[in-house]
Amino acid sequence: MNLKSLTMIAIFLNTPFVFAADAPAPKPEVKPAEAQKPLSFFVTSEGLGKGADLGGLAGADAHCQKLATAAGAGNNVWHAYLSIQAANGKPAVNARDRIGSGPWFNAKGAIVAKDVADLHGDTLDSARRGNNLSRTTAISEKKESVKGAGDTPNQHDIITGSQTDGTAFNDGTDHTCSGYTSAAEEGTVQVGHFDRTGGGNISWNSAHASKGCSPEKLVSTGGAGLFYCFATK
């Protein structure tokens, strides 16, 4: 049967005749992109405006929840990464015990740490490897970078009140500006460096003490009353 006969049959049947050579090539399989991990860690985009007076743990937690909700992640329970030493008959509170079990991801979906041990380097292997909290991953809930060493102003001091292992101090000294309720010129609060830079101690959670509790005193050492927030589940 010749080409003319095949064409006439196709027209008669009202069915287009397509030569194999003209058939469209099969489309390559498109695999769906991996869904971005939900926000579960951030540095507060702003403090409470009262220096180290965060309204205690409850006030700091509420601030985390408020910022997370504005960023569309309010369905989780959020806690501030803060420790308080034992005082006045009350037991110590450890920041590491307040933040759930992980893993934690920033607002761009990058992992910060897979669990509490990874975050704090509890094992020799995790301590050698280190967590993924750095200048590029420790961003705000708005996906914005935080000003660090070399920026104007430098705001890399992050309030934690913690030792490097994420626990409260036990030396009988207040390292929390009266449990995060004081904005006085005197007093002190322990801070970390989110950018892992400066001062000989580059710990993300326990670099040095502030010069005081007021907004001005926090600014003088490179801070702005910011703190870390973690989704607890």
Protein backbone atom coordinates (compact mmCIF):
# COMPACT_ATOMS: atom_id res chain seq x y z
CA MET A 1 0.00 0.00 0.00
CA ASN A 2 1.50 3.34 -1.02
CA LEU A 3 1.56 6.72 0.76
CA LYS A 4 -1.40 8.09 -1.18
CA SER A 5 -3.59 5.17 -0.12
CA LEU A 6 -2.65 5.55 3.54
CA THR A 7 -3.44 9.27 3.45
CA MET A 8 -6.86 8.68 1.86
CA ILE A 9 -7.77 6.10 4.53
CA ALA A 10 -6.79 8.52 7.32
CA ILE A 11 -8.95 11.28 5.84
CA PHE A 12 -11.87 8.94 5.37
CA LEU A 13 -11.76 7.81 8.99
CA ASN A 14 -11.38 11.43 10.17
CA THR A 15 -8.32 10.29 12.04
CA PRO A 16 -5.02 12.11 11.58
CA PHE A 17 -2.29 9.87 10.30
CA VAL A 18 1.04 10.45 12.07
CA PHE A 19 4.24 8.95 10.84
CA ALA A 20 6.41 7.41 13.57
CA ALA A 21 9.24 9.78 12.70
CA ASP A 22 6.96 12.78 13.39
CA ALA A 23 5.60 11.54 16.73
CA PRO A 24 6.55 13.75 19.70
CA ALA A 25 9.35 12.44 21.87
CA PRO A 26 8.27 11.20 25.29
CA LYS A 27 8.67 13.84 28.01
CA PRO A 28 11.34 13.11 30.59
CA GLU A 29 10.09 12.17 34.03
CA VAL A 30 10.02 15.18 36.32
CA LYS A 31 10.59 14.31 39.94
CA PRO A 32 8.83 16.56 42.45
CA ALA A 33 11.14 18.88 44.34
CA GLU A 34 11.73 18.01 47.96
CA ALA A 35 9.45 20.05 50.18
CA GLN A 36 11.20 22.74 52.20
CA LYS A 37 11.52 21.86 55.84
CA PRO A 38 9.26 23.98 58.07
CA LEU A 39 10.73 26.81 60.12
CA SER A 40 11.82 25.57 63.55
CA PHE A 41 14.73 27.87 64.52
CA PHE A 42 15.50 31.57 64.24
CA VAL A 43 17.23 34.53 65.81
CA THR A 44 14.65 37.10 66.84
CA SER A 45 14.42 39.86 64.25
CA GLU A 46 13.96 42.32 67.09
CA GLY A 47 14.27 42.38 70.86
CA LEU A 48 11.69 43.57 73.33
CA GLY A 49 13.26 47.02 73.57
CA LYS A 50 14.12 46.70 77.26
CA GLY A 51 17.62 45.30 77.16
CA ALA A 52 17.89 42.00 79.02
CA ASP A 53 14.44 42.48 80.56
CA LEU A 54 12.53 39.95 78.47
CA GLY A 55 9.67 39.52 80.92
CA GLY A 56 11.27 36.36 82.30
CA LEU A 57 11.11 33.05 80.47
CA ALA A 58 7.38 33.46 79.87
CA GLY A 59 7.85 36.83 78.20
CA ALA A 60 10.69 35.56 76.02
CA ASP A 61 8.67 32.51 74.98
CA ALA A 62 5.70 34.72 74.11
CA HIS A 63 7.95 36.90 71.93
CA CYS A 64 9.20 33.81 70.07
CA GLN A 65 5.62 32.65 69.56
CA LYS A 66 4.53 36.07 68.30
CA LEU A 67 7.35 36.33 65.75
CA ALA A 68 6.88 32.74 64.62
CA THR A 69 3.15 33.29 64.14
CA ALA A 70 3.80 36.38 62.01
CA ALA A 71 6.12 34.22 59.89
CA GLY A 72 3.43 31.56 59.41
CA ALA A 73 4.91 29.06 61.86
CA GLY A 74 2.71 29.66 64.87
CA ASN A 75 1.28 26.14 64.83
CA ASN A 76 4.32 24.96 66.79
CA VAL A 77 5.09 25.70 70.44
CA TRP A 78 8.10 28.02 70.57
CA HIS A 79 10.56 28.53 73.41
CA ALA A 80 13.46 30.89 73.88
CA TYR A 81 16.89 29.33 74.32
CA LEU A 82 17.52 30.63 77.85
CA SER A 83 18.88 29.19 81.09
CA ILE A 84 18.35 30.41 84.65
CA GLN A 85 20.55 29.39 87.59
CA ALA A 86 19.01 28.04 90.78
CA ALA A 87 18.01 30.81 93.19
CA ASN A 88 15.64 31.51 96.07
CA GLY A 89 14.74 27.86 96.41
CA LYS A 90 13.85 27.50 92.73
CA PRO A 91 15.68 24.89 90.65
CA ALA A 92 17.86 25.76 87.71
CA VAL A 93 16.38 25.85 84.22
CA ASN A 94 18.57 24.62 81.36
CA ALA A 95 18.13 26.05 77.88
CA ARG A 96 18.87 22.68 76.30
CA ASP A 97 15.90 21.15 78.14
CA ARG A 98 13.44 23.72 76.84
CA ILE A 99 13.75 23.35 73.08
CA GLY A 100 12.41 19.91 72.20
CA SER A 101 14.33 17.17 70.45
CA GLY A 102 14.94 18.57 66.93
CA PRO A 103 15.80 18.55 64.15
CA TRP A 104 15.74 22.31 63.63
CA PHE A 105 15.66 24.21 60.34
CA ASN A 106 15.95 27.92 59.63
CA ALA A 107 13.53 30.05 57.60
CA LYS A 108 15.23 29.01 54.35
CA GLY A 109 15.01 25.29 55.11
CA ALA A 110 18.68 24.81 56.04
CA ILE A 111 19.33 22.45 58.93
CA VAL A 112 20.92 23.94 62.05
CA ALA A 113 21.18 20.79 64.17
CA LYS A 114 19.61 17.35 64.06
CA ASP A 115 19.10 16.96 67.82
CA VAL A 116 20.13 18.32 71.22
CA ALA A 117 23.39 16.35 71.29
CA ASP A 118 24.32 17.58 67.82
CA LEU A 119 23.51 21.17 68.78
CA HIS A 120 25.78 21.08 71.84
CA GLY A 121 28.51 18.66 70.71
CA ASP A 122 27.73 16.16 73.47
CA THR A 123 29.67 13.32 71.87
CA LEU A 124 33.26 13.41 70.65
CA ASP A 125 32.09 12.91 67.07
CA SER A 126 29.48 15.68 67.22
CA ALA A 127 31.94 18.01 68.96
CA ARG A 128 34.50 17.47 66.20
CA ARG A 129 31.91 17.93 63.48
CA GLY A 130 30.13 20.87 65.09
CA ASN A 131 26.55 21.94 64.51
CA ASN A 132 25.48 23.96 61.48
CA LEU A 133 24.68 27.16 63.38
CA SER A 134 26.71 29.90 61.72
CA ARG A 135 26.50 33.41 60.32
CA THR A 136 24.78 32.10 57.18
CA THR A 137 22.26 29.82 58.91
CA ALA A 138 21.45 31.80 62.08
CA ILE A 139 18.96 34.09 60.38
CA SER A 140 15.75 35.71 61.56
CA GLU A 141 12.22 34.41 61.13
CA LYS A 142 11.94 36.86 58.23
CA LYS A 143 14.76 35.10 56.33
CA GLU A 144 16.96 38.11 57.00
CA SER A 145 20.61 38.10 58.02
CA VAL A 146 21.49 39.39 61.48
CA LYS A 147 24.20 42.03 61.77
CA GLY A 148 27.44 40.44 62.94
CA ALA A 149 31.09 41.34 63.40
CA GLY A 150 32.12 43.80 60.70
CA ASP A 151 28.59 45.17 60.25
CA THR A 152 27.33 48.49 61.57
CA PRO A 153 26.10 48.11 64.18
CA ASN A 154 27.51 44.78 65.33
CA GLN A 155 24.66 42.84 66.98
CA HIS A 156 26.17 39.39 67.25
CA ASP A 157 25.67 39.05 71.04
CA ILE A 158 22.73 36.69 71.56
CA ILE A 159 21.28 36.40 75.07
CA THR A 160 21.37 32.84 76.46
CA GLY A 161 22.34 32.90 80.15
CA SER A 162 23.94 29.53 79.44
CA GLN A 163 27.15 27.59 79.62
CA THR A 164 28.50 25.99 76.44
CA ASP A 165 26.68 22.71 77.15
CA GLY A 166 23.35 24.53 77.31
CA THR A 167 22.99 24.35 81.08
CA ALA A 168 22.61 27.08 83.69
CA PHE A 169 25.61 28.37 85.63
CA ASN A 170 26.05 26.97 89.12
CA ASP A 171 28.68 29.31 90.56
CA GLY A 172 26.30 31.30 92.72
CA THR A 173 26.49 34.35 90.43
CA ASP A 174 23.60 35.79 88.46
CA HIS A 175 24.25 35.42 84.72
CA THR A 176 20.69 36.28 83.64
CA CYS A 177 19.99 39.90 84.67
CA SER A 178 17.72 38.73 87.49
CA GLY A 179 16.02 36.02 85.48
CA TYR A 180 15.60 38.27 82.42
CA THR A 181 13.60 40.85 84.37
CA SER A 182 16.18 43.62 84.76
CA ALA A 183 17.14 46.45 82.42
CA ALA A 184 19.42 48.13 84.96
CA GLU A 185 22.83 49.55 84.17
CA GLU A 186 24.41 47.04 86.53
CA GLY A 187 24.13 43.28 86.39
CA THR A 188 25.15 40.89 83.66
CA VAL A 189 23.81 38.32 81.24
CA GLN A 190 25.75 35.63 79.38
CA VAL A 191 25.66 35.91 75.60
CA GLY A 192 26.82 33.85 72.62
CA HIS A 193 28.09 34.89 69.18
CA PHE A 194 25.78 33.67 66.42
CA ASP A 195 28.47 34.46 63.82
CA ARG A 196 31.17 32.46 65.67
CA THR A 197 33.46 35.51 65.60
CA GLY A 198 35.28 37.73 68.07
CA GLY A 199 36.77 37.97 71.51
CA GLY A 200 38.77 34.76 71.57
CA ASN A 201 35.67 32.78 72.49
CA ILE A 202 33.47 32.19 69.48
CA SER A 203 30.85 30.00 71.12
CA TRP A 204 27.37 30.40 69.66
CA ASN A 205 25.78 30.15 73.12
CA SER A 206 28.37 31.20 75.74
CA ALA A 207 31.00 33.68 74.57
CA HIS A 208 31.12 36.27 77.37
CA ALA A 209 29.13 38.31 79.86
CA SER A 210 27.49 41.63 79.03
CA LYS A 211 28.57 44.87 80.72
CA GLY A 212 25.09 45.43 82.11
CA CYS A 213 21.40 44.76 81.56
CA SER A 214 20.18 47.99 79.95
CA PRO A 215 19.76 48.42 76.20
CA GLU A 216 22.75 50.75 76.15
CA LYS A 217 24.97 48.28 78.00
CA LEU A 218 24.02 45.45 75.64
CA VAL A 219 24.80 47.66 72.64
CA SER A 220 28.21 48.54 74.11
CA THR A 221 29.33 44.91 73.89
CA GLY A 222 27.78 44.22 70.47
CA GLY A 223 24.20 43.23 71.19
CA ALA A 224 20.61 44.31 70.67
CA GLY A 225 18.67 42.16 73.12
CA LEU A 226 18.20 39.36 70.57
CA PHE A 227 17.86 35.67 71.44
CA TYR A 228 17.38 32.26 69.84
CA CYS A 229 13.95 30.68 69.36
CA PHE A 230 13.35 26.95 68.83
CA ALA A 231 10.19 25.02 67.95
CA THR A 232 9.74 22.43 70.67
CA LYS A 233 7.88 19.95 68.46
